[in-house]
Amino acid sequence: MTTPGQVVPEQEPEATAQANLEVIGMARGELRAESVANHLHWAGILILWCAMAGFVALGGVWLWHEIASDKYRFLTAEENRDLQTVLATAVGSSFVTGAAKKWIGK
């Protein structure tokens, strides 16, 4: 029993096997949260490169239609205009994003 006014410190919890495994995992960098973040990072990089490859392919198709003769073109004039619009929009948004980052960064 304690007497009034006496402060008794709390007991520290005992280390369990699960806690020991978590500490070992943290030291090795094998925690689940880090693993999920790592997977999301690589998924983002993969999505970025797929989008870039898609835009390069679209640019290649547009360039093909600009330099090839009518015999080798496979898009209609309307589809070619739509493709030009998509590419111009992508390039324009890239310039606007760059300018906005410079302006905000000042």
PDB file of N, CA and C in Angstrom:
ATOM      1  N   MET A   1       0.828  -1.182   0.000  1.00  0.00           N
ATOM      2  CA  MET A   1       0.000   0.000   0.000  1.00  0.00           C
ATOM      3  C   MET A   1       0.873   1.246   0.000  1.00  0.00           C
ATOM      4  N   THR A   2       0.303   2.269  -0.570  1.00  0.00           N
ATOM      5  CA  THR A   2       1.021   3.535  -0.585  1.00  0.00           C
ATOM      6  C   THR A   2       0.400   4.479   0.423  1.00  0.00           C
ATOM      7  N   THR A   3       1.196   5.336   0.907  1.00  0.00           N
ATOM      8  CA  THR A   3       0.684   6.352   1.820  1.00  0.00           C
ATOM      9  C   THR A   3       0.225   7.540   1.004  1.00  0.00           C
ATOM     10  N   PRO A   4      -0.700   8.337   1.504  1.00  0.00           N
ATOM     11  CA  PRO A   4      -1.175   9.504   0.760  1.00  0.00           C
ATOM     12  C   PRO A   4      -0.024  10.461   0.455  1.00  0.00           C
ATOM     13  N   GLY A   5      -0.010  10.939  -0.773  1.00  0.00           N
ATOM     14  CA  GLY A   5       1.005  11.876  -1.199  1.00  0.00           C
ATOM     15  C   GLY A   5       2.241  11.209  -1.783  1.00  0.00           C
ATOM     16  N   GLN A   6       2.276   9.897  -1.743  1.00  0.00           N
ATOM     17  CA  GLN A   6       3.429   9.182  -2.293  1.00  0.00           C
ATOM     18  C   GLN A   6       3.145   8.855  -3.755  1.00  0.00           C
ATOM     19  N   VAL A   7       4.116   9.151  -4.634  1.00  0.00           N
ATOM     20  CA  VAL A   7       3.963   8.896  -6.067  1.00  0.00           C
ATOM     21  C   VAL A   7       4.639   7.581  -6.400  1.00  0.00           C
ATOM     22  N   VAL A   8       3.871   6.708  -7.048  1.00  0.00           N
ATOM     23  CA  VAL A   8       4.416   5.417  -7.464  1.00  0.00           C
ATOM     24  C   VAL A   8       4.523   5.422  -8.982  1.00  0.00           C
ATOM     25  N   PRO A   9       5.717   5.258  -9.519  1.00  0.00           N
ATOM     26  CA  PRO A   9       5.850   5.254 -10.980  1.00  0.00           C
ATOM     27  C   PRO A   9       5.175   4.031 -11.587  1.00  0.00           C
ATOM     28  N   GLU A  10       4.682   4.241 -12.815  1.00  0.00           N
ATOM     29  CA  GLU A  10       4.043   3.122 -13.519  1.00  0.00           C
ATOM     30  C   GLU A  10       5.093   2.111 -13.920  1.00  0.00           C
ATOM     31  N   GLN A  11       4.673   0.878 -13.983  1.00  0.00           N
ATOM     32  CA  GLN A  11       5.558  -0.193 -14.412  1.00  0.00           C
ATOM     33  C   GLN A  11       5.696  -0.138 -15.927  1.00  0.00           C
ATOM     34  N   GLU A  12       6.905  -0.316 -16.420  1.00  0.00           N
ATOM     35  CA  GLU A  12       7.095  -0.378 -17.866  1.00  0.00           C
ATOM     36  C   GLU A  12       6.561  -1.709 -18.360  1.00  0.00           C
ATOM     37  N   PRO A  13       5.912  -1.694 -19.516  1.00  0.00           N
ATOM     38  CA  PRO A  13       5.399  -2.960 -20.037  1.00  0.00           C
ATOM     39  C   PRO A  13       6.549  -3.885 -20.422  1.00  0.00           C
ATOM     40  N   GLU A  14       6.307  -5.151 -20.294  1.00  0.00           N
ATOM     41  CA  GLU A  14       7.321  -6.126 -20.678  1.00  0.00           C
ATOM     42  C   GLU A  14       7.371  -6.245 -22.189  1.00  0.00           C
ATOM     43  N   ALA A  15       8.550  -6.495 -22.691  1.00  0.00           N
ATOM     44  CA  ALA A  15       8.710  -6.676 -24.128  1.00  0.00           C
ATOM     45  C   ALA A  15       8.133  -8.033 -24.522  1.00  0.00           C
ATOM     46  N   THR A  16       7.264  -8.009 -25.491  1.00  0.00           N
ATOM     47  CA  THR A  16       6.697  -9.257 -25.986  1.00  0.00           C
ATOM     48  C   THR A  16       7.464  -9.696 -27.221  1.00  0.00           C
ATOM     49  N   ALA A  17       7.191 -10.877 -27.653  1.00  0.00           N
ATOM     50  CA  ALA A  17       7.866 -11.383 -28.853  1.00  0.00           C
ATOM     51  C   ALA A  17       7.517 -10.523 -30.063  1.00  0.00           C
ATOM     52  N   GLN A  18       6.264 -10.088 -30.148  1.00  0.00           N
ATOM     53  CA  GLN A  18       5.838  -9.246 -31.278  1.00  0.00           C
ATOM     54  C   GLN A  18       6.570  -7.905 -31.253  1.00  0.00           C
ATOM     55  N   ALA A  19       6.709  -7.317 -30.071  1.00  0.00           N
ATOM     56  CA  ALA A  19       7.417  -6.043 -29.961  1.00  0.00           C
ATOM     57  C   ALA A  19       8.874  -6.199 -30.365  1.00  0.00           C
ATOM     58  N   ASN A  20       9.484  -7.296 -29.959  1.00  0.00           N
ATOM     59  CA  ASN A  20      10.879  -7.535 -30.344  1.00  0.00           C
ATOM     60  C   ASN A  20      11.016  -7.674 -31.859  1.00  0.00           C
ATOM     61  N   LEU A  21      10.063  -8.363 -32.484  1.00  0.00           N
ATOM     62  CA  LEU A  21      10.111  -8.513 -33.943  1.00  0.00           C
ATOM     63  C   LEU A  21       9.939  -7.167 -34.644  1.00  0.00           C
ATOM     64  N   GLU A  22       9.064  -6.304 -34.093  1.00  0.00           N
ATOM     65  CA  GLU A  22       8.870  -4.984 -34.682  1.00  0.00           C
ATOM     66  C   GLU A  22      10.132  -4.140 -34.578  1.00  0.00           C
ATOM     67  N   VAL A  23      10.820  -4.221 -33.447  1.00  0.00           N
ATOM     68  CA  VAL A  23      12.052  -3.459 -33.279  1.00  0.00           C
ATOM     69  C   VAL A  23      13.114  -3.955 -34.254  1.00  0.00           C
ATOM     70  N   ILE A  24      13.221  -5.255 -34.401  1.00  0.00           N
ATOM     71  CA  ILE A  24      14.191  -5.817 -35.345  1.00  0.00           C
ATOM     72  C   ILE A  24      13.837  -5.400 -36.769  1.00  0.00           C
ATOM     73  N   GLY A  25      12.539  -5.444 -37.106  1.00  0.00           N
ATOM     74  CA  GLY A  25      12.096  -5.016 -38.435  1.00  0.00           C
ATOM     75  C   GLY A  25      12.365  -3.551 -38.685  1.00  0.00           C
ATOM     76  N   MET A  26      12.193  -2.717 -37.643  1.00  0.00           N
ATOM     77  CA  MET A  26      12.456  -1.287 -37.793  1.00  0.00           C
ATOM     78  C   MET A  26      13.944  -1.049 -38.047  1.00  0.00           C
ATOM     79  N   ALA A  27      14.771  -1.786 -37.330  1.00  0.00           N
ATOM     80  CA  ALA A  27      16.214  -1.630 -37.503  1.00  0.00           C
ATOM     81  C   ALA A  27      16.656  -2.069 -38.891  1.00  0.00           C
ATOM     82  N   ARG A  28      16.008  -3.053 -39.440  1.00  0.00           N
ATOM     83  CA  ARG A  28      16.370  -3.547 -40.774  1.00  0.00           C
ATOM     84  C   ARG A  28      15.669  -2.797 -41.896  1.00  0.00           C
ATOM     85  N   GLY A  29      14.703  -1.966 -41.565  1.00  0.00           N
ATOM     86  CA  GLY A  29      13.955  -1.241 -42.589  1.00  0.00           C
ATOM     87  C   GLY A  29      12.906  -2.107 -43.264  1.00  0.00           C
ATOM     88  N   GLU A  30      12.379  -3.074 -42.541  1.00  0.00           N
ATOM     89  CA  GLU A  30      11.415  -4.009 -43.122  1.00  0.00           C
ATOM     90  C   GLU A  30      10.002  -3.786 -42.609  1.00  0.00           C
ATOM     91  N   LEU A  31       9.701  -2.616 -42.089  1.00  0.00           N
ATOM     92  CA  LEU A  31       8.365  -2.377 -41.561  1.00  0.00           C
ATOM     93  C   LEU A  31       7.347  -2.293 -42.683  1.00  0.00           C
ATOM     94  N   ARG A  32       6.125  -2.652 -42.394  1.00  0.00           N
ATOM     95  CA  ARG A  32       5.060  -2.668 -43.395  1.00  0.00           C
ATOM     96  C   ARG A  32       4.795  -1.271 -43.954  1.00  0.00           C
ATOM     97  N   ALA A  33       4.773  -0.261 -43.117  1.00  0.00           N
ATOM     98  CA  ALA A  33       4.488   1.097 -43.594  1.00  0.00           C
ATOM     99  C   ALA A  33       5.541   1.535 -44.609  1.00  0.00           C
ATOM    100  N   GLU A  34       6.791   1.216 -44.356  1.00  0.00           N
ATOM    101  CA  GLU A  34       7.838   1.571 -45.305  1.00  0.00           C
ATOM    102  C   GLU A  34       7.685   0.777 -46.590  1.00  0.00           C
ATOM    103  N   SER A  35       7.261  -0.467 -46.466  1.00  0.00           N
ATOM    104  CA  SER A  35       7.075  -1.314 -47.644  1.00  0.00           C
ATOM    105  C   SER A  35       5.961  -0.771 -48.531  1.00  0.00           C
ATOM    106  N   VAL A  36       4.858  -0.353 -47.909  1.00  0.00           N
ATOM    107  CA  VAL A  36       3.737   0.201 -48.678  1.00  0.00           C
ATOM    108  C   VAL A  36       4.160   1.497 -49.360  1.00  0.00           C
ATOM    109  N   ALA A  37       4.866   2.359 -48.631  1.00  0.00           N
ATOM    110  CA  ALA A  37       5.329   3.614 -49.223  1.00  0.00           C
ATOM    111  C   ALA A  37       6.279   3.346 -50.383  1.00  0.00           C
ATOM    112  N   ASN A  38       7.128   2.357 -50.237  1.00  0.00           N
ATOM    113  CA  ASN A  38       8.056   1.998 -51.297  1.00  0.00           C
ATOM    114  C   ASN A  38       7.304   1.493 -52.524  1.00  0.00           C
ATOM    115  N   HIS A  39       6.288   0.665 -52.317  1.00  0.00           N
ATOM    116  CA  HIS A  39       5.497   0.160 -53.437  1.00  0.00           C
ATOM    117  C   HIS A  39       4.745   1.290 -54.137  1.00  0.00           C
ATOM    118  N   LEU A  40       4.190   2.210 -53.358  1.00  0.00           N
ATOM    119  CA  LEU A  40       3.483   3.344 -53.962  1.00  0.00           C
ATOM    120  C   LEU A  40       4.446   4.223 -54.753  1.00  0.00           C
ATOM    121  N   HIS A  41       5.648   4.392 -54.250  1.00  0.00           N
ATOM    122  CA  HIS A  41       6.660   5.174 -54.964  1.00  0.00           C
ATOM    123  C   HIS A  41       6.956   4.548 -56.326  1.00  0.00           C
ATOM    124  N   TRP A  42       7.222   3.246 -56.335  1.00  0.00           N
ATOM    125  CA  TRP A  42       7.541   2.575 -57.596  1.00  0.00           C
ATOM    126  C   TRP A  42       6.338   2.524 -58.532  1.00  0.00           C
ATOM    127  N   ALA A  43       5.123   2.414 -57.987  1.00  0.00           N
ATOM    128  CA  ALA A  43       3.923   2.442 -58.839  1.00  0.00           C
ATOM    129  C   ALA A  43       3.776   3.816 -59.500  1.00  0.00           C
ATOM    130  N   GLY A  44       4.058   4.871 -58.745  1.00  0.00           N
ATOM    131  CA  GLY A  44       4.000   6.216 -59.311  1.00  0.00           C
ATOM    132  C   GLY A  44       5.014   6.415 -60.424  1.00  0.00           C
ATOM    133  N   ILE A  45       6.225   5.892 -60.221  1.00  0.00           N
ATOM    134  CA  ILE A  45       7.247   5.990 -61.263  1.00  0.00           C
ATOM    135  C   ILE A  45       6.816   5.211 -62.501  1.00  0.00           C
ATOM    136  N   LEU A  46       6.246   4.029 -62.303  1.00  0.00           N
ATOM    137  CA  LEU A  46       5.785   3.218 -63.434  1.00  0.00           C
ATOM    138  C   LEU A  46       4.678   3.934 -64.206  1.00  0.00           C
ATOM    139  N   ILE A  47       3.740   4.536 -63.494  1.00  0.00           N
ATOM    140  CA  ILE A  47       2.649   5.268 -64.155  1.00  0.00           C
ATOM    141  C   ILE A  47       3.202   6.462 -64.931  1.00  0.00           C
ATOM    142  N   LEU A  48       4.158   7.168 -64.328  1.00  0.00           N
ATOM    143  CA  LEU A  48       4.778   8.303 -65.020  1.00  0.00           C
ATOM    144  C   LEU A  48       5.434   7.868 -66.317  1.00  0.00           C
ATOM    145  N   TRP A  49       6.223   6.795 -66.276  1.00  0.00           N
ATOM    146  CA  TRP A  49       6.915   6.340 -67.480  1.00  0.00           C
ATOM    147  C   TRP A  49       5.941   5.800 -68.523  1.00  0.00           C
ATOM    148  N   CYS A  50       4.864   5.167 -68.095  1.00  0.00           N
ATOM    149  CA  CYS A  50       3.849   4.703 -69.060  1.00  0.00           C
ATOM    150  C   CYS A  50       3.191   5.896 -69.752  1.00  0.00           C
ATOM    151  N   ALA A  51       2.894   6.945 -68.978  1.00  0.00           N
ATOM    152  CA  ALA A  51       2.305   8.144 -69.578  1.00  0.00           C
ATOM    153  C   ALA A  51       3.283   8.801 -70.539  1.00  0.00           C
ATOM    154  N   MET A  52       4.543   8.870 -70.149  1.00  0.00           N
ATOM    155  CA  MET A  52       5.549   9.458 -71.037  1.00  0.00           C
ATOM    156  C   MET A  52       5.694   8.642 -72.318  1.00  0.00           C
ATOM    157  N   ALA A  53       5.700   7.319 -72.188  1.00  0.00           N
ATOM    158  CA  ALA A  53       5.801   6.468 -73.381  1.00  0.00           C
ATOM    159  C   ALA A  53       4.583   6.669 -74.282  1.00  0.00           C
ATOM    160  N   GLY A  54       3.413   6.844 -73.677  1.00  0.00           N
ATOM    161  CA  GLY A  54       2.206   7.101 -74.463  1.00  0.00           C
ATOM    162  C   GLY A  54       2.292   8.404 -75.236  1.00  0.00           C
ATOM    163  N   PHE A  55       2.797   9.461 -74.577  1.00  0.00           N
ATOM    164  CA  PHE A  55       2.929  10.743 -75.273  1.00  0.00           C
ATOM    165  C   PHE A  55       3.988  10.692 -76.355  1.00  0.00           C
ATOM    166  N   VAL A  56       5.054   9.943 -76.126  1.00  0.00           N
ATOM    167  CA  VAL A  56       6.069   9.789 -77.173  1.00  0.00           C
ATOM    168  C   VAL A  56       5.466   9.045 -78.367  1.00  0.00           C
ATOM    169  N   ALA A  57       4.659   8.014 -78.090  1.00  0.00           N
ATOM    170  CA  ALA A  57       4.009   7.274 -79.172  1.00  0.00           C
ATOM    171  C   ALA A  57       3.039   8.175 -79.940  1.00  0.00           C
ATOM    172  N   LEU A  58       2.269   8.983 -79.209  1.00  0.00           N
ATOM    173  CA  LEU A  58       1.358   9.921 -79.880  1.00  0.00           C
ATOM    174  C   LEU A  58       2.133  10.910 -80.737  1.00  0.00           C
ATOM    175  N   GLY A  59       3.246  11.403 -80.205  1.00  0.00           N
ATOM    176  CA  GLY A  59       4.078  12.318 -80.982  1.00  0.00           C
ATOM    177  C   GLY A  59       4.636  11.646 -82.219  1.00  0.00           C
ATOM    178  N   GLY A  60       5.008  10.381 -82.103  1.00  0.00           N
ATOM    179  CA  GLY A  60       5.505   9.635 -83.261  1.00  0.00           C
ATOM    180  C   GLY A  60       4.435   9.452 -84.322  1.00  0.00           C
ATOM    181  N   VAL A  61       3.220   9.161 -83.889  1.00  0.00           N
ATOM    182  CA  VAL A  61       2.108   9.014 -84.852  1.00  0.00           C
ATOM    183  C   VAL A  61       1.833  10.341 -85.531  1.00  0.00           C
ATOM    184  N   TRP A  62       1.833  11.431 -84.764  1.00  0.00           N
ATOM    185  CA  TRP A  62       1.591  12.740 -85.363  1.00  0.00           C
ATOM    186  C   TRP A  62       2.689  13.091 -86.362  1.00  0.00           C
ATOM    187  N   LEU A  63       3.951  12.846 -85.976  1.00  0.00           N
ATOM    188  CA  LEU A  63       5.068  13.130 -86.876  1.00  0.00           C
ATOM    189  C   LEU A  63       4.987  12.292 -88.142  1.00  0.00           C
ATOM    190  N   TRP A  64       4.596  11.021 -87.996  1.00  0.00           N
ATOM    191  CA  TRP A  64       4.439  10.139 -89.151  1.00  0.00           C
ATOM    192  C   TRP A  64       3.426  10.727 -90.132  1.00  0.00           C
ATOM    193  N   HIS A  65       2.322  11.231 -89.601  1.00  0.00           N
ATOM    194  CA  HIS A  65       1.289  11.797 -90.476  1.00  0.00           C
ATOM    195  C   HIS A  65       1.717  13.123 -91.092  1.00  0.00           C
ATOM    196  N   GLU A  66       2.693  13.786 -90.500  1.00  0.00           N
ATOM    197  CA  GLU A  66       3.189  15.030 -91.077  1.00  0.00           C
ATOM    198  C   GLU A  66       4.178  14.769 -92.212  1.00  0.00           C
ATOM    199  N   ILE A  67       4.969  13.696 -92.111  1.00  0.00           N
ATOM    200  CA  ILE A  67       6.021  13.486 -93.108  1.00  0.00           C
ATOM    201  C   ILE A  67       5.717  12.376 -94.108  1.00  0.00           C
ATOM    202  N   ALA A  68       4.774  11.481 -93.799  1.00  0.00           N
ATOM    203  CA  ALA A  68       4.493  10.361 -94.708  1.00  0.00           C
ATOM    204  C   ALA A  68       3.539  10.800 -95.817  1.00  0.00           C
ATOM    205  N   SER A  69       3.592  10.064 -96.902  1.00  0.00           N
ATOM    206  CA  SER A  69       2.676  10.365 -98.007  1.00  0.00           C
ATOM    207  C   SER A  69       1.274   9.866 -97.651  1.00  0.00           C
ATOM    208  N   ASP A  70       0.291  10.291 -98.452  1.00  0.00           N
ATOM    209  CA  ASP A  70      -1.103   9.912 -98.180  1.00  0.00           C
ATOM    210  C   ASP A  70      -1.297   8.400 -98.174  1.00  0.00           C
ATOM    211  N   LYS A  71      -0.499   7.706 -98.927  1.00  0.00           N
ATOM    212  CA  LYS A  71      -0.624   6.249 -99.026  1.00  0.00           C
ATOM    213  C   LYS A  71      -0.402   5.562 -97.674  1.00  0.00           C
ATOM    214  N   TYR A  72       0.474   6.134 -96.831  1.00  0.00           N
ATOM    215  CA  TYR A  72       0.848   5.484 -95.576  1.00  0.00           C
ATOM    216  C   TYR A  72       0.158   6.073 -94.344  1.00  0.00           C
ATOM    217  N   ARG A  73      -0.722   7.033 -94.533  1.00  0.00           N
ATOM    218  CA  ARG A  73      -1.429   7.630 -93.390  1.00  0.00           C
ATOM    219  C   ARG A  73      -2.625   6.761 -93.027  1.00  0.00           C
ATOM    220  N   PHE A  74      -2.858   6.609 -91.733  1.00  0.00           N
ATOM    221  CA  PHE A  74      -3.971   5.757 -91.297  1.00  0.00           C
ATOM    222  C   PHE A  74      -4.990   6.498 -90.437  1.00  0.00           C
ATOM    223  N   LEU A  75      -4.752   7.765 -90.138  1.00  0.00           N
ATOM    224  CA  LEU A  75      -5.725   8.563 -89.401  1.00  0.00           C
ATOM    225  C   LEU A  75      -6.475   9.475 -90.364  1.00  0.00           C
ATOM    226  N   THR A  76      -7.738   9.727 -90.058  1.00  0.00           N
ATOM    227  CA  THR A  76      -8.493  10.698 -90.848  1.00  0.00           C
ATOM    228  C   THR A  76      -8.025  12.102 -90.467  1.00  0.00           C
ATOM    229  N   ALA A  77      -8.436  13.090 -91.241  1.00  0.00           N
ATOM    230  CA  ALA A  77      -8.035  14.472 -90.963  1.00  0.00           C
ATOM    231  C   ALA A  77      -8.559  14.924 -89.597  1.00  0.00           C
ATOM    232  N   GLU A  78      -9.774  14.499 -89.254  1.00  0.00           N
ATOM    233  CA  GLU A  78     -10.353  14.877 -87.957  1.00  0.00           C
ATOM    234  C   GLU A  78      -9.578  14.221 -86.805  1.00  0.00           C
ATOM    235  N   GLU A  79      -9.218  12.955 -86.955  1.00  0.00           N
ATOM    236  CA  GLU A  79      -8.431  12.269 -85.927  1.00  0.00           C
ATOM    237  C   GLU A  79      -7.053  12.913 -85.773  1.00  0.00           C
ATOM    238  N   ASN A  80      -6.471  13.328 -86.880  1.00  0.00           N
ATOM    239  CA  ASN A  80      -5.169  14.002 -86.826  1.00  0.00           C
ATOM    240  C   ASN A  80      -5.276  15.337 -86.089  1.00  0.00           C
ATOM    241  N   ARG A  81      -6.355  16.091 -86.325  1.00  0.00           N
ATOM    242  CA  ARG A  81      -6.573  17.350 -85.606  1.00  0.00           C
ATOM    243  C   ARG A  81      -6.752  17.093 -84.113  1.00  0.00           C
ATOM    244  N   ASP A  82      -7.515  16.036 -83.777  1.00  0.00           N
ATOM    245  CA  ASP A  82      -7.706  15.696 -82.366  1.00  0.00           C
ATOM    246  C   ASP A  82      -6.372  15.332 -81.704  1.00  0.00           C
ATOM    247  N   LEU A  83      -5.553  14.595 -82.422  1.00  0.00           N
ATOM    248  CA  LEU A  83      -4.245  14.214 -81.907  1.00  0.00           C
ATOM    249  C   LEU A  83      -3.374  15.449 -81.697  1.00  0.00           C
ATOM    250  N   GLN A  84      -3.422  16.374 -82.632  1.00  0.00           N
ATOM    251  CA  GLN A  84      -2.672  17.620 -82.495  1.00  0.00           C
ATOM    252  C   GLN A  84      -3.158  18.417 -81.293  1.00  0.00           C
ATOM    253  N   THR A  85      -4.459  18.425 -81.066  1.00  0.00           N
ATOM    254  CA  THR A  85      -5.022  19.140 -79.924  1.00  0.00           C
ATOM    255  C   THR A  85      -4.543  18.535 -78.612  1.00  0.00           C
ATOM    256  N   VAL A  86      -4.543  17.209 -78.519  1.00  0.00           N
ATOM    257  CA  VAL A  86      -4.081  16.527 -77.302  1.00  0.00           C
ATOM    258  C   VAL A  86      -2.615  16.851 -77.037  1.00  0.00           C
ATOM    259  N   LEU A  87      -1.790  16.760 -78.071  1.00  0.00           N
ATOM    260  CA  LEU A  87      -0.369  17.035 -77.900  1.00  0.00           C
ATOM    261  C   LEU A  87      -0.115  18.500 -77.541  1.00  0.00           C
ATOM    262  N   ALA A  88      -0.821  19.416 -78.197  1.00  0.00           N
ATOM    263  CA  ALA A  88      -0.644  20.842 -77.899  1.00  0.00           C
ATOM    264  C   ALA A  88      -1.099  21.153 -76.477  1.00  0.00           C
ATOM    265  N   THR A  89      -2.173  20.522 -76.041  1.00  0.00           N
ATOM    266  CA  THR A  89      -2.652  20.724 -74.675  1.00  0.00           C
ATOM    267  C   THR A  89      -1.635  20.219 -73.664  1.00  0.00           C
ATOM    268  N   ALA A  90      -1.047  19.052 -73.933  1.00  0.00           N
ATOM    269  CA  ALA A  90      -0.046  18.489 -73.017  1.00  0.00           C
ATOM    270  C   ALA A  90       1.178  19.390 -72.918  1.00  0.00           C
ATOM    271  N   VAL A  91       1.658  19.864 -74.053  1.00  0.00           N
ATOM    272  CA  VAL A  91       2.832  20.739 -74.056  1.00  0.00           C
ATOM    273  C   VAL A  91       2.499  22.071 -73.388  1.00  0.00           C
ATOM    274  N   GLY A  92       1.329  22.611 -73.703  1.00  0.00           N
ATOM    275  CA  GLY A  92       0.913  23.881 -73.097  1.00  0.00           C
ATOM    276  C   GLY A  92       0.771  23.781 -71.585  1.00  0.00           C
ATOM    277  N   SER A  93       0.177  22.690 -71.103  1.00  0.00           N
ATOM    278  CA  SER A  93       0.028  22.538 -69.653  1.00  0.00           C
ATOM    279  C   SER A  93       1.376  22.355 -68.975  1.00  0.00           C
ATOM    280  N   SER A  94       2.310  21.732 -69.670  1.00  0.00           N
ATOM    281  CA  SER A  94       3.659  21.595 -69.122  1.00  0.00           C
ATOM    282  C   SER A  94       4.316  22.961 -68.956  1.00  0.00           C
ATOM    283  N   PHE A  95       4.186  23.827 -69.953  1.00  0.00           N
ATOM    284  CA  PHE A  95       4.756  25.176 -69.857  1.00  0.00           C
ATOM    285  C   PHE A  95       4.073  25.984 -68.750  1.00  0.00           C
ATOM    286  N   VAL A  96       2.762  25.867 -68.651  1.00  0.00           N
ATOM    287  CA  VAL A  96       2.032  26.620 -67.623  1.00  0.00           C
ATOM    288  C   VAL A  96       2.431  26.124 -66.235  1.00  0.00           C
ATOM    289  N   THR A  97       2.578  24.820 -66.068  1.00  0.00           N
ATOM    290  CA  THR A  97       2.992  24.274 -64.773  1.00  0.00           C
ATOM    291  C   THR A  97       4.387  24.758 -64.409  1.00  0.00           C
ATOM    292  N   GLY A  98       5.303  24.739 -65.363  1.00  0.00           N
ATOM    293  CA  GLY A  98       6.658  25.240 -65.106  1.00  0.00           C
ATOM    294  C   GLY A  98       6.666  26.701 -64.730  1.00  0.00           C
ATOM    295  N   ALA A  99       5.902  27.514 -65.440  1.00  0.00           N
ATOM    296  CA  ALA A  99       5.832  28.939 -65.134  1.00  0.00           C
ATOM    297  C   ALA A  99       5.207  29.183 -63.773  1.00  0.00           C
ATOM    298  N   ALA A 100       4.184  28.419 -63.435  1.00  0.00           N
ATOM    299  CA  ALA A 100       3.535  28.579 -62.135  1.00  0.00           C
ATOM    300  C   ALA A 100       4.481  28.196 -61.002  1.00  0.00           C
ATOM    301  N   LYS A 101       5.262  27.143 -61.196  1.00  0.00           N
ATOM    302  CA  LYS A 101       6.226  26.753 -60.158  1.00  0.00           C
ATOM    303  C   LYS A 101       7.282  27.832 -59.954  1.00  0.00           C
ATOM    304  N   LYS A 102       7.742  28.437 -61.054  1.00  0.00           N
ATOM    305  CA  LYS A 102       8.725  29.519 -60.936  1.00  0.00           C
ATOM    306  C   LYS A 102       8.115  30.716 -60.215  1.00  0.00           C
ATOM    307  N   TRP A 103       6.872  31.055 -60.567  1.00  0.00           N
ATOM    308  CA  TRP A 103       6.219  32.225 -60.005  1.00  0.00           C
ATOM    309  C   TRP A 103       5.921  32.013 -58.520  1.00  0.00           C
ATOM    310  N   ILE A 104       5.437  30.836 -58.164  1.00  0.00           N
ATOM    311  CA  ILE A 104       5.113  30.539 -56.770  1.00  0.00           C
ATOM    312  C   ILE A 104       6.389  30.414 -55.945  1.00  0.00           C
ATOM    313  N   GLY A 105       7.432  29.883 -56.559  1.00  0.00           N
ATOM    314  CA  GLY A 105       8.682  29.688 -55.847  1.00  0.00           C
ATOM    315  C   GLY A 105       9.402  30.973 -55.481  1.00  0.00           C
ATOM    316  N   LYS A 106       9.029  32.099 -56.083  1.00  0.00           N
ATOM    317  CA  LYS A 106       9.718  33.373 -55.811  1.00  0.00           C
ATOM    318  C   LYS A 106       9.296  33.956 -54.492  1.00  0.00           C
TER     319      LYS A 106
END
